[in-house]
Protein backbone atom coordinates (compact mmCIF):
# COMPACT_ATOMS: atom_id res chain seq x y z
CA MET A 1 -0.02 0.39 -0.23
CA ILE A 2 0.76 3.19 -0.28
CA THR A 3 1.54 5.93 2.24
CA GLN A 4 -0.13 9.47 2.14
CA ASN A 5 1.84 12.62 3.10
CA THR A 6 0.04 15.85 4.00
CA ILE A 7 0.78 19.35 2.90
CA LYS A 8 -0.40 20.57 6.01
CA SER A 9 -0.43 24.64 5.18
CA VAL A 10 -3.03 23.17 2.33
CA GLY A 11 -4.88 20.17 3.58
CA LEU A 12 -3.62 18.31 0.41
CA SER A 13 -3.00 14.29 0.70
CA VAL A 14 -0.23 13.28 -1.88
CA PRO A 15 1.11 9.63 -2.31
CA SER A 16 4.60 9.16 -1.24
CA LEU A 17 5.37 7.25 -4.81
CA THR A 18 5.15 9.35 -7.91
CA PHE A 19 4.80 8.59 -11.62
CA GLY A 20 7.32 11.03 -13.56
CA ALA A 21 5.24 11.45 -16.78
CA ALA A 22 8.94 12.33 -18.75
CA SER A 23 8.67 9.09 -20.32
CA LEU A 24 5.96 9.84 -21.93
CA ALA A 25 7.61 12.69 -23.77
CA ASN A 26 10.07 10.03 -25.89
CA LEU A 27 12.17 10.70 -23.42
CA PHE A 28 15.82 8.58 -24.46
CA ARG A 29 12.75 6.92 -27.18
CA THR A 30 10.22 7.33 -29.56
CA LEU A 31 6.68 5.67 -28.40
CA SER A 32 3.91 6.07 -29.91
CA ASN A 33 0.89 7.53 -29.01
CA ASN A 34 -0.70 4.32 -28.23
CA GLU A 35 2.12 3.36 -26.10
CA ALA A 36 1.96 6.34 -24.06
CA MET A 37 -1.52 5.66 -23.44
CA ASP A 38 -0.77 2.30 -22.20
CA ILE A 39 1.34 2.97 -19.78
CA VAL A 40 -0.48 5.54 -18.78
CA ASP A 41 -3.56 3.30 -18.55
CA LYS A 42 -1.05 0.31 -16.79
CA ALA A 43 0.37 3.19 -14.11
CA ILE A 44 -3.54 3.90 -13.06
CA GLN A 45 -4.38 -0.23 -12.93
CA VAL A 46 -1.87 -0.87 -10.73
CA GLY A 47 -2.66 2.25 -8.26
CA TRP A 48 -0.45 5.09 -8.94
CA ARG A 49 -2.34 8.77 -7.91
CA TYR A 50 0.30 11.23 -7.91
CA PHE A 51 1.68 11.97 -11.41
CA ASP A 52 4.21 14.70 -12.28
CA THR A 53 5.18 16.66 -15.78
CA ALA A 54 6.45 19.04 -17.15
CA PRO A 55 6.11 21.29 -20.38
CA HIS A 56 9.52 20.82 -20.85
CA TYR A 57 9.16 17.66 -21.09
CA GLY A 58 8.96 16.88 -25.16
CA SER A 59 7.93 20.52 -25.41
CA GLY A 60 4.52 19.93 -24.09
CA LEU A 61 4.56 16.11 -25.48
CA SER A 62 4.11 15.05 -21.79
CA GLU A 63 1.66 17.04 -20.63
CA LEU A 64 -0.82 16.23 -23.91
CA ARG A 65 -0.45 12.83 -23.45
CA LEU A 66 -0.12 12.03 -19.47
CA GLY A 67 -3.53 14.79 -19.86
CA LEU A 68 -5.00 12.08 -22.22
CA GLY A 69 -4.61 9.23 -20.28
CA LEU A 70 -5.96 10.87 -17.34
CA ARG A 71 -8.97 11.44 -18.57
CA GLY A 72 -10.61 8.34 -17.32
CA LEU A 73 -10.40 9.60 -13.79
CA GLU A 74 -12.34 12.31 -11.66
CA ARG A 75 -10.18 14.93 -11.23
CA SER A 76 -10.85 14.27 -7.76
CA GLU A 77 -9.17 11.14 -7.72
CA TYR A 78 -5.71 12.25 -8.41
CA VAL A 79 -3.05 14.80 -7.80
CA LEU A 80 -1.02 16.64 -10.47
CA SER A 81 1.78 18.71 -10.56
CA THR A 82 3.62 19.96 -13.31
CA LYS A 83 6.51 22.79 -13.36
CA VAL A 84 6.68 26.37 -14.66
CA GLY A 85 9.97 28.52 -15.47
CA ARG A 86 9.97 27.86 -19.31
CA LEU A 87 7.33 28.89 -22.03
CA LEU A 88 6.90 27.28 -24.88
CA GLN A 89 7.80 29.31 -28.83
CA SER A 90 6.46 28.13 -31.94
CA ARG A 91 9.79 26.74 -33.99
CA LYS A 92 10.58 27.52 -37.29
CA GLN A 93 13.46 25.01 -38.69
CA GLU A 94 13.82 21.09 -37.31
CA PRO A 95 16.32 20.81 -34.40
CA GLY A 96 18.67 18.67 -33.51
CA LEU A 97 18.28 16.39 -30.64
CA GLU A 98 20.28 18.99 -28.50
CA ALA A 99 17.44 21.35 -28.90
CA GLY A 100 15.39 18.83 -26.48
CA GLU A 101 18.61 17.95 -24.79
CA PHE A 102 17.22 13.87 -24.92
CA PHE A 103 13.66 13.97 -26.07
CA TYR A 104 13.03 12.41 -29.68
CA ASP A 105 10.49 13.59 -31.92
CA GLU A 106 9.04 16.24 -29.84
CA ASN A 107 6.40 18.86 -30.12
CA PRO A 108 8.08 21.87 -32.41
CA PHE A 109 8.43 24.24 -30.13
CA ASN A 110 11.61 25.99 -28.08
CA ARG A 111 11.62 26.47 -24.74
CA GLN A 112 12.31 30.13 -23.18
CA ALA A 113 13.48 30.56 -19.72
CA ASP A 114 10.51 32.90 -17.73
CA TYR A 115 10.15 33.04 -14.13
CA SER A 116 8.73 36.38 -13.99
CA TYR A 117 5.60 36.65 -12.46
CA GLU A 118 3.57 37.24 -15.72
CA GLY A 119 5.94 34.22 -17.19
CA ILE A 120 4.90 31.56 -14.70
CA MET A 121 0.86 32.53 -14.91
CA ARG A 122 1.15 32.00 -18.63
CA SER A 123 3.09 28.61 -18.02
CA TYR A 124 0.14 27.12 -15.88
CA GLU A 125 -2.39 28.27 -17.55
CA ASN A 126 -0.87 26.56 -21.09
CA SER A 127 -0.22 23.98 -18.73
CA ILE A 128 -4.11 23.48 -17.95
CA GLN A 129 -4.94 23.72 -21.64
CA ARG A 130 -2.28 21.09 -22.53
CA LEU A 131 -3.35 18.57 -19.85
CA GLY A 132 -7.23 19.63 -20.50
CA ILE A 133 -8.34 20.25 -17.46
CA ARG A 134 -9.71 22.57 -14.66
CA TYR A 135 -6.57 22.69 -11.58
CA ILE A 136 -3.20 21.63 -11.03
CA ASP A 137 -2.55 20.74 -7.48
CA ILE A 138 1.35 21.31 -7.40
CA LEU A 139 3.48 23.45 -9.13
CA TYR A 140 7.66 23.15 -9.19
CA VAL A 141 9.86 25.89 -10.63
CA HIS A 142 11.73 23.89 -12.77
CA ASP A 143 16.01 24.79 -12.91
CA LEU A 144 15.27 27.64 -11.09
CA GLY A 145 19.31 28.01 -11.40
CA THR A 146 19.07 29.25 -15.09
């Protein structure tokens, strides 16, 4: 059984194990959409209820795939975290692997660091749209040292 931890200041109960969704965004190897959905489905079946993603992962691909995979669960049945600090901007040309670091066949967006209030709010709103949900439980600041 997965233990729960409570963030007392907000009363949020968080499972002690997190499903990290970077791999859904073709981290190190390409997955089909069906393979990604099967992974999320299996994670739900075996009891995962805390999911973490980020706009950085595949230039939004992780958020898109995870959001689709979670559609079968009521929003109150899981905890979701994502990251802020990077905005996605349309890319004009195809990059080499270095643009996405270790993400293959990612979405055609460049990452731009933006830690301003406006940038964080825009990142949050964009993530909500990609995920197809009403709210995100936890926001982490991605690579603040940048």
